[in-house]
Amino acid sequence: MKTQYNAIRSFRAEMAGLKALKGWTNRDLAAWLGCCESTVSEMYRDPIKSSGRYILLVKQLFREEQAKMLTGGEA
């Protein structure tokens, strides 16, 4: 159970980090994902119930943006 809790915490941190790096709101993230703003809010509240596709997209974009930041440009 602790592993699941850590995964949820980690995802929430990545999602918040992505939004901060991009300067995005929930609406912006929803537009990029192609879903509703309420879906993004629910994904943050309870990622276990969210689409795996959205989770993977958020995690991948976060990693890409983080790499850009660390390398000072395109990753």
Protein backbone atom coordinates (compact mmCIF):
# COMPACT_ATOMS: atom_id res chain seq x y z
CA MET A 1 0.00 0.00 0.00
CA LYS A 2 2.89 2.33 0.71
CA THR A 3 4.19 1.83 -2.84
CA GLN A 4 0.81 2.86 -4.26
CA TYR A 5 0.77 5.96 -2.03
CA ASN A 6 4.28 6.89 -3.17
CA ALA A 7 3.31 6.44 -6.83
CA ILE A 8 0.29 8.73 -6.37
CA ARG A 9 2.39 11.34 -4.61
CA SER A 10 5.05 11.12 -7.30
CA PHE A 11 2.51 11.51 -10.10
CA ARG A 12 0.91 14.52 -8.43
CA ALA A 13 4.33 16.14 -8.07
CA GLU A 14 5.12 15.46 -11.74
CA MET A 15 1.76 16.84 -12.86
CA ALA A 16 2.21 19.99 -10.78
CA GLY A 17 5.80 20.28 -12.00
CA LEU A 18 4.72 19.99 -15.63
CA LYS A 19 2.13 22.72 -15.19
CA ALA A 20 4.70 24.95 -13.49
CA LEU A 21 7.37 24.36 -16.15
CA LYS A 22 4.94 25.08 -18.99
CA GLY A 23 3.07 27.85 -17.16
CA TRP A 24 -0.13 25.89 -17.76
CA THR A 25 -3.47 25.81 -16.00
CA ASN A 26 -5.68 22.73 -15.77
CA ARG A 27 -7.48 24.05 -18.85
CA ASP A 28 -4.22 24.21 -20.83
CA LEU A 29 -3.25 20.70 -19.79
CA ALA A 30 -6.73 19.43 -20.69
CA ALA A 31 -6.46 21.02 -24.13
CA TRP A 32 -3.08 19.37 -24.72
CA LEU A 33 -4.40 15.99 -23.55
CA GLY A 34 -7.63 16.37 -25.52
CA CYS A 35 -9.90 15.97 -22.51
CA CYS A 36 -12.08 18.08 -20.21
CA GLU A 37 -10.72 20.30 -17.47
CA SER A 38 -12.72 18.24 -14.97
CA THR A 39 -10.83 15.14 -16.14
CA VAL A 40 -7.54 16.83 -15.31
CA SER A 41 -8.83 17.82 -11.86
CA GLU A 42 -10.00 14.27 -11.22
CA MET A 43 -6.70 12.88 -12.48
CA TYR A 44 -4.88 14.95 -9.84
CA ARG A 45 -7.32 14.00 -7.07
CA ASP A 46 -7.42 10.29 -7.85
CA PRO A 47 -4.93 9.13 -10.48
CA ILE A 48 -5.84 5.48 -9.84
CA LYS A 49 -9.19 6.05 -11.59
CA SER A 50 -7.66 7.95 -14.51
CA SER A 51 -6.88 6.76 -18.00
CA GLY A 52 -3.46 5.19 -18.24
CA ARG A 53 -2.99 7.05 -21.52
CA TYR A 54 -3.31 10.42 -19.80
CA ILE A 55 -0.99 9.37 -16.99
CA LEU A 56 1.67 8.25 -19.47
CA LEU A 57 1.36 11.43 -21.54
CA VAL A 58 1.73 13.65 -18.48
CA LYS A 59 4.73 11.70 -17.21
CA GLN A 60 6.45 11.73 -20.63
CA LEU A 61 5.92 15.45 -21.25
CA PHE A 62 7.13 16.23 -17.73
CA ARG A 63 10.34 14.29 -18.37
CA GLU A 64 10.85 16.05 -21.70
CA GLU A 65 10.32 19.49 -20.18
CA GLN A 66 12.60 18.64 -17.26
CA ALA A 67 15.33 17.52 -19.69
CA LYS A 68 14.98 20.77 -21.65
CA MET A 69 15.36 22.75 -18.45
CA LEU A 70 18.47 20.79 -17.42
CA THR A 71 20.13 21.03 -20.83
CA GLY A 72 19.11 24.62 -21.46
CA GLY A 73 17.20 23.92 -24.63
CA GLU A 74 15.74 21.22 -26.74
CA ALA A 75 15.95 17.68 -25.46
